[in-house]
Structures are given as C-alpha cells and as structure tokens.
Amino acid sequence: MNKYLRILFLGAVLTSCNNSKSKSSISIQNETAENILIKKYDAVSNSDSAYQCSINYQETFITEKKLMLFKGRIYDIMKTDTNYLLKVLDEREDSPQNFLALITCDEQQLKKIYDDGTTTRGAFVIQVSKVTSSNPSIKMEEASDGDDNTYTYSHLSDDKDQMIFIFKAKLIDFHLDQIKK
C-alpha cells in the first residue's frame, strides 16, 4: 500500500510541475505580445508611475498624440450607435493609483475579442481622446476626544487608492491573454 501512495504522490507532483511550466510559458507568450505591441506602436506603457495629475496625461496622450498601452480586464461591453464601448479596469494591486479605460471599437475588432482561446485580460493600445479623474470621496474616520470617548466624523478624501483616472479612447490594437487549453 505504501508503494501505491508514493506513486500517486509522485504523479501529483509531476502533474503540478507540468501545469506551472505551461502557465509560465503562457505568461511569457503574453509578455512577449505586450512588448511587440509597445515596439510596434511606440506606445507608452509606464505612465502610471510618471504622472500625478490629469494634465500630465493630457499633454502626453492628447497634445503629443502618443499611444498608450493600457493593461487590464474587460468587465463590460456596451453597444453605442455604430460602435462598441469596452470598459477595461486596471486591476494591478501594486499600482499607486486606479485606472479605467472606456475604449471604443468597431464590430470587426469586437469579433476578435470573442475568441475561445483568450481571457478578458490583456493589453490594449489606445489613442486617448479625453482624460478625467474622479471627485474626492467621503471618508468616515474615528477619533478620540481625549477622555476615552470616541466619535466618528466624515471628510472629503483624495487618497490615491480611492481616486480613479478615466481614459476615453479609441482601440488601435490589442492582445488578450491566452488561456491554457
């Protein structure tokens, strides 16, 4: 019986190693595709660490007409008059700020998005036409009055983790992450 348990354990370990190799191979393919898009379109891919205000994004992407590589997940698609609107959310946990892209695409581009071998996550080369940011949010905090009594008060907060930059843009090209089949 001990021999069978060892064989079963070894099989499980080998299977898990094989799965992680496949995932890393897929990750490498996705990264390579992103790098190809960046080079092909000379797209700016590190804008979140360089800019602090909407005007910085406006100067780079609207005035200078540079393309942006926006990485995220499509969480909704809407039909507009003759086009479609992709709502793409940047879900990176290590980003100092929050980003949302409202990306217009045509029917042919939309058909390419519906591929069984891809996820809804990927990299999107976009031409930004408008940049906005959210208004401050109301934050509730608790404080002490010094006599061991606490009270709750609210105030407007512009904490970066609560604010969001919103890019209205047109889809130029994209790569959706591959999934393991």
C-alpha atoms as a PDB file:
ATOM      1  CA  MET A   1       0.000   0.000   0.000  1.00  0.00           C
ATOM      2  CA  ASN A   2       2.854   2.382   0.810  1.00  0.00           C
ATOM      3  CA  LYS A   3       4.245   1.885  -2.703  1.00  0.00           C
ATOM      4  CA  TYR A   4       0.928   2.936  -4.266  1.00  0.00           C
ATOM      5  CA  LEU A   5       0.767   6.098  -2.166  1.00  0.00           C
ATOM      6  CA  ARG A   6       4.289   7.055  -3.273  1.00  0.00           C
ATOM      7  CA  ILE A   7       3.378   6.527  -6.929  1.00  0.00           C
ATOM      8  CA  LEU A   8       0.192   8.564  -6.506  1.00  0.00           C
ATOM      9  CA  PHE A   9       2.126  11.375  -4.740  1.00  0.00           C
ATOM     10  CA  LEU A  10       4.837  11.376  -7.438  1.00  0.00           C
ATOM     11  CA  GLY A  11       2.158  11.567 -10.140  1.00  0.00           C
ATOM     12  CA  ALA A  12       0.506  14.539  -8.429  1.00  0.00           C
ATOM     13  CA  VAL A  13       3.843  16.359  -8.103  1.00  0.00           C
ATOM     14  CA  LEU A  14       4.718  15.761 -11.757  1.00  0.00           C
ATOM     15  CA  THR A  15       1.292  16.938 -12.881  1.00  0.00           C
ATOM     16  CA  SER A  16       1.561  20.156 -10.841  1.00  0.00           C
ATOM     17  CA  CYS A  17       5.061  20.816 -12.199  1.00  0.00           C
ATOM     18  CA  ASN A  18       3.765  20.364 -15.723  1.00  0.00           C
ATOM     19  CA  ASN A  19       0.908  22.818 -15.068  1.00  0.00           C
ATOM     20  CA  SER A  20       3.240  25.518 -13.700  1.00  0.00           C
ATOM     21  CA  LYS A  21       5.511  25.117 -16.733  1.00  0.00           C
ATOM     22  CA  SER A  22       2.500  25.641 -19.011  1.00  0.00           C
ATOM     23  CA  LYS A  23       1.436  28.726 -17.079  1.00  0.00           C
ATOM     24  CA  SER A  24       4.887  30.244 -17.195  1.00  0.00           C
ATOM     25  CA  SER A  25       5.054  29.524 -20.925  1.00  0.00           C
ATOM     26  CA  ILE A  26       1.707  31.278 -21.403  1.00  0.00           C
ATOM     27  CA  SER A  27       2.865  34.197 -19.227  1.00  0.00           C
ATOM     28  CA  ILE A  28       5.993  34.536 -21.343  1.00  0.00           C
ATOM     29  CA  GLN A  29       3.877  34.498 -24.528  1.00  0.00           C
ATOM     30  CA  ASN A  30       1.609  37.219 -23.105  1.00  0.00           C
ATOM     31  CA  GLU A  31       4.575  39.385 -22.053  1.00  0.00           C
ATOM     32  CA  THR A  32       6.180  38.936 -25.465  1.00  0.00           C
ATOM     33  CA  ALA A  33       2.957  40.001 -27.190  1.00  0.00           C
ATOM     34  CA  GLU A  34       2.785  43.116 -24.981  1.00  0.00           C
ATOM     35  CA  ASN A  35       6.397  44.015 -25.814  1.00  0.00           C
ATOM     36  CA  ILE A  36       5.665  43.581 -29.531  1.00  0.00           C
ATOM     37  CA  LEU A  37       2.701  45.984 -29.232  1.00  0.00           C
ATOM     38  CA  ILE A  38       4.827  48.529 -27.359  1.00  0.00           C
ATOM     39  CA  LYS A  39       7.544  48.449 -30.016  1.00  0.00           C
ATOM     40  CA  LYS A  40       5.169  48.324 -32.998  1.00  0.00           C
ATOM     41  CA  TYR A  41       3.209  51.401 -31.899  1.00  0.00           C
ATOM     42  CA  ASP A  42       5.859  53.145 -29.789  1.00  0.00           C
ATOM     43  CA  ALA A  43       3.234  53.042 -27.035  1.00  0.00           C
ATOM     44  CA  VAL A  44       3.820  54.451 -23.570  1.00  0.00           C
ATOM     45  CA  SER A  45       3.500  51.633 -21.054  1.00  0.00           C
ATOM     46  CA  ASN A  46       4.747  53.090 -17.770  1.00  0.00           C
ATOM     47  CA  SER A  47       2.608  56.194 -17.471  1.00  0.00           C
ATOM     48  CA  ASP A  48       1.093  55.326 -14.101  1.00  0.00           C
ATOM     49  CA  SER A  49       4.367  55.846 -12.263  1.00  0.00           C
ATOM     50  CA  ALA A  50       5.335  59.074 -14.016  1.00  0.00           C
ATOM     51  CA  TYR A  51       2.211  61.225 -13.805  1.00  0.00           C
ATOM     52  CA  GLN A  52       0.408  62.783 -10.887  1.00  0.00           C
ATOM     53  CA  CYS A  53      -2.349  64.908 -12.473  1.00  0.00           C
ATOM     54  CA  SER A  54      -4.748  64.692 -15.391  1.00  0.00           C
ATOM     55  CA  ILE A  55      -2.875  67.452 -17.229  1.00  0.00           C
ATOM     56  CA  ASN A  56       0.228  65.235 -17.421  1.00  0.00           C
ATOM     57  CA  TYR A  57      -1.784  62.510 -19.165  1.00  0.00           C
ATOM     58  CA  GLN A  58      -3.461  65.101 -21.407  1.00  0.00           C
ATOM     59  CA  GLU A  59      -0.127  66.530 -22.558  1.00  0.00           C
ATOM     60  CA  THR A  60       1.371  63.138 -23.366  1.00  0.00           C
ATOM     61  CA  PHE A  61      -1.589  61.326 -24.885  1.00  0.00           C
ATOM     62  CA  ILE A  62      -3.719  64.091 -26.375  1.00  0.00           C
ATOM     63  CA  THR A  63      -1.394  67.023 -27.161  1.00  0.00           C
ATOM     64  CA  GLU A  64       1.634  64.896 -28.144  1.00  0.00           C
ATOM     65  CA  LYS A  65      -0.651  62.187 -29.630  1.00  0.00           C
ATOM     66  CA  LYS A  66       1.305  59.316 -28.124  1.00  0.00           C
ATOM     67  CA  LEU A  67      -0.420  55.961 -27.883  1.00  0.00           C
ATOM     68  CA  MET A  68      -0.943  54.281 -24.522  1.00  0.00           C
ATOM     69  CA  LEU A  69      -0.565  50.612 -23.669  1.00  0.00           C
ATOM     70  CA  PHE A  70      -3.333  50.008 -21.145  1.00  0.00           C
ATOM     71  CA  LYS A  71      -3.308  46.683 -19.316  1.00  0.00           C
ATOM     72  CA  GLY A  72      -6.471  45.444 -17.686  1.00  0.00           C
ATOM     73  CA  ARG A  73      -9.592  43.314 -17.763  1.00  0.00           C
ATOM     74  CA  ILE A  74     -12.709  43.920 -19.851  1.00  0.00           C
ATOM     75  CA  TYR A  75     -15.548  43.952 -17.340  1.00  0.00           C
ATOM     76  CA  ASP A  76     -18.337  45.203 -19.598  1.00  0.00           C
ATOM     77  CA  ILE A  77     -19.132  45.791 -23.269  1.00  0.00           C
ATOM     78  CA  MET A  78     -21.854  48.156 -24.466  1.00  0.00           C
ATOM     79  CA  LYS A  79     -23.250  48.839 -27.911  1.00  0.00           C
ATOM     80  CA  THR A  80     -23.224  52.504 -28.829  1.00  0.00           C
ATOM     81  CA  ASP A  81     -24.622  53.962 -32.077  1.00  0.00           C
ATOM     82  CA  THR A  82     -22.454  52.098 -34.587  1.00  0.00           C
ATOM     83  CA  ASN A  83     -19.581  51.015 -32.373  1.00  0.00           C
ATOM     84  CA  TYR A  84     -18.952  49.239 -29.100  1.00  0.00           C
ATOM     85  CA  LEU A  85     -17.608  50.501 -25.795  1.00  0.00           C
ATOM     86  CA  LEU A  86     -15.204  48.284 -23.873  1.00  0.00           C
ATOM     87  CA  LYS A  87     -14.920  49.070 -20.185  1.00  0.00           C
ATOM     88  CA  VAL A  88     -11.443  47.997 -19.098  1.00  0.00           C
ATOM     89  CA  LEU A  89     -10.342  48.075 -15.474  1.00  0.00           C
ATOM     90  CA  ASP A  90      -6.694  48.113 -14.437  1.00  0.00           C
ATOM     91  CA  GLU A  91      -6.614  45.523 -11.655  1.00  0.00           C
ATOM     92  CA  ARG A  92      -2.967  45.724 -10.648  1.00  0.00           C
ATOM     93  CA  GLU A  93      -2.585  45.593  -6.898  1.00  0.00           C
ATOM     94  CA  ASP A  94       0.854  47.244  -6.960  1.00  0.00           C
ATOM     95  CA  SER A  95      -0.302  50.372  -8.781  1.00  0.00           C
ATOM     96  CA  PRO A  96      -0.283  53.568  -6.695  1.00  0.00           C
ATOM     97  CA  GLN A  97      -3.484  54.781  -8.387  1.00  0.00           C
ATOM     98  CA  ASN A  98      -6.631  53.387 -10.003  1.00  0.00           C
ATOM     99  CA  PHE A  99      -7.297  53.470 -13.753  1.00  0.00           C
ATOM    100  CA  LEU A 100     -10.272  52.807 -16.014  1.00  0.00           C
ATOM    101  CA  ALA A 101     -10.328  52.927 -19.818  1.00  0.00           C
ATOM    102  CA  LEU A 102     -13.519  53.451 -21.816  1.00  0.00           C
ATOM    103  CA  ILE A 103     -12.417  52.151 -25.213  1.00  0.00           C
ATOM    104  CA  THR A 104     -14.391  52.474 -28.436  1.00  0.00           C
ATOM    105  CA  CYS A 105     -14.011  49.700 -31.003  1.00  0.00           C
ATOM    106  CA  ASP A 106     -15.741  48.633 -34.211  1.00  0.00           C
ATOM    107  CA  GLU A 107     -17.548  45.373 -34.936  1.00  0.00           C
ATOM    108  CA  GLN A 108     -14.520  43.662 -36.532  1.00  0.00           C
ATOM    109  CA  GLN A 109     -12.348  44.426 -33.503  1.00  0.00           C
ATOM    110  CA  LEU A 110     -15.100  43.172 -31.205  1.00  0.00           C
ATOM    111  CA  LYS A 111     -15.313  39.856 -33.080  1.00  0.00           C
ATOM    112  CA  LYS A 112     -11.590  39.293 -32.469  1.00  0.00           C
ATOM    113  CA  ILE A 113     -12.199  39.759 -28.738  1.00  0.00           C
ATOM    114  CA  TYR A 114     -14.601  36.810 -28.670  1.00  0.00           C
ATOM    115  CA  ASP A 115     -12.006  34.074 -29.111  1.00  0.00           C
ATOM    116  CA  ASP A 116     -12.315  30.854 -27.121  1.00  0.00           C
ATOM    117  CA  GLY A 117      -8.561  30.741 -26.523  1.00  0.00           C
ATOM    118  CA  THR A 118      -8.317  34.063 -24.684  1.00  0.00           C
ATOM    119  CA  THR A 119      -9.381  35.629 -21.414  1.00  0.00           C
ATOM    120  CA  THR A 120     -10.866  39.086 -20.898  1.00  0.00           C
ATOM    121  CA  ARG A 121      -7.489  40.319 -19.573  1.00  0.00           C
ATOM    122  CA  GLY A 122      -4.865  41.806 -21.810  1.00  0.00           C
ATOM    123  CA  ALA A 123      -3.001  44.768 -23.212  1.00  0.00           C
ATOM    124  CA  PHE A 124      -4.752  47.419 -25.286  1.00  0.00           C
ATOM    125  CA  VAL A 125      -3.041  50.004 -27.486  1.00  0.00           C
ATOM    126  CA  ILE A 126      -5.327  53.013 -27.314  1.00  0.00           C
ATOM    127  CA  GLN A 127      -5.489  56.548 -28.675  1.00  0.00           C
ATOM    128  CA  VAL A 128      -6.668  58.685 -25.753  1.00  0.00           C
ATOM    129  CA  SER A 129      -9.143  61.482 -26.547  1.00  0.00           C
ATOM    130  CA  LYS A 130     -10.148  62.557 -23.027  1.00  0.00           C
ATOM    131  CA  VAL A 131      -8.757  62.243 -19.502  1.00  0.00           C
ATOM    132  CA  THR A 132     -10.762  62.799 -16.334  1.00  0.00           C
ATOM    133  CA  SER A 133     -10.409  61.887 -12.703  1.00  0.00           C
ATOM    134  CA  SER A 134     -12.933  61.097 -10.023  1.00  0.00           C
ATOM    135  CA  ASN A 135     -14.008  63.552  -7.383  1.00  0.00           C
ATOM    136  CA  PRO A 136     -12.869  63.077  -3.791  1.00  0.00           C
ATOM    137  CA  SER A 137     -14.832  60.513  -1.822  1.00  0.00           C
ATOM    138  CA  ILE A 138     -16.392  60.847   1.607  1.00  0.00           C
ATOM    139  CA  LYS A 139     -14.339  59.031   4.207  1.00  0.00           C
ATOM    140  CA  MET A 140     -15.504  58.071   7.688  1.00  0.00           C
ATOM    141  CA  GLU A 141     -12.936  58.101  10.494  1.00  0.00           C
ATOM    142  CA  GLU A 142     -12.980  57.566  14.209  1.00  0.00           C
ATOM    143  CA  ALA A 143     -11.241  59.912  16.639  1.00  0.00           C
ATOM    144  CA  SER A 144     -10.824  60.287  20.357  1.00  0.00           C
ATOM    145  CA  ASP A 145     -11.745  63.355  22.380  1.00  0.00           C
ATOM    146  CA  GLY A 146      -9.023  62.676  24.978  1.00  0.00           C
ATOM    147  CA  ASP A 147     -11.436  61.445  27.674  1.00  0.00           C
ATOM    148  CA  ASP A 148     -11.572  57.875  26.327  1.00  0.00           C
ATOM    149  CA  ASN A 149     -14.607  58.822  24.263  1.00  0.00           C
ATOM    150  CA  THR A 150     -14.591  58.195  20.533  1.00  0.00           C
ATOM    151  CA  TYR A 151     -16.634  59.789  17.836  1.00  0.00           C
ATOM    152  CA  THR A 152     -16.997  59.320  14.106  1.00  0.00           C
ATOM    153  CA  TYR A 153     -16.596  62.135  11.632  1.00  0.00           C
ATOM    154  CA  SER A 154     -16.596  62.365   7.855  1.00  0.00           C
ATOM    155  CA  HIS A 155     -14.461  64.385   5.495  1.00  0.00           C
ATOM    156  CA  LEU A 156     -13.560  64.550   1.833  1.00  0.00           C
ATOM    157  CA  SER A 157     -10.621  62.344   0.940  1.00  0.00           C
ATOM    158  CA  ASP A 158      -8.370  62.461  -2.091  1.00  0.00           C
ATOM    159  CA  ASP A 159      -6.427  59.342  -1.087  1.00  0.00           C
ATOM    160  CA  LYS A 160      -4.844  57.925  -4.225  1.00  0.00           C
ATOM    161  CA  ASP A 161      -6.212  54.465  -3.532  1.00  0.00           C
ATOM    162  CA  GLN A 162      -9.743  55.921  -3.590  1.00  0.00           C
ATOM    163  CA  MET A 163      -9.311  58.087  -6.706  1.00  0.00           C
ATOM    164  CA  ILE A 164      -9.522  56.943 -10.314  1.00  0.00           C
ATOM    165  CA  PHE A 165      -8.189  58.254 -13.636  1.00  0.00           C
ATOM    166  CA  ILE A 166     -10.555  57.617 -16.546  1.00  0.00           C
ATOM    167  CA  PHE A 167      -9.331  57.488 -20.152  1.00  0.00           C
ATOM    168  CA  LYS A 168     -11.747  57.769 -23.081  1.00  0.00           C
ATOM    169  CA  ALA A 169     -10.019  56.246 -26.058  1.00  0.00           C
ATOM    170  CA  LYS A 170     -10.169  54.507 -29.415  1.00  0.00           C
ATOM    171  CA  LEU A 171      -8.862  50.949 -29.799  1.00  0.00           C
ATOM    172  CA  ILE A 172      -5.851  50.677 -32.104  1.00  0.00           C
ATOM    173  CA  ASP A 173      -4.704  47.113 -31.388  1.00  0.00           C
ATOM    174  CA  PHE A 174      -4.772  44.609 -28.545  1.00  0.00           C
ATOM    175  CA  HIS A 175      -3.622  41.281 -27.194  1.00  0.00           C
ATOM    176  CA  LEU A 176      -5.780  39.260 -24.850  1.00  0.00           C
ATOM    177  CA  ASP A 177      -4.031  36.833 -22.542  1.00  0.00           C
ATOM    178  CA  GLN A 178      -4.014  33.251 -23.719  1.00  0.00           C
ATOM    179  CA  ILE A 179      -5.608  30.592 -21.569  1.00  0.00           C
ATOM    180  CA  LYS A 180      -4.451  27.049 -21.058  1.00  0.00           C
ATOM    181  CA  LYS A 181      -6.495  24.598 -23.094  1.00  0.00           C
END
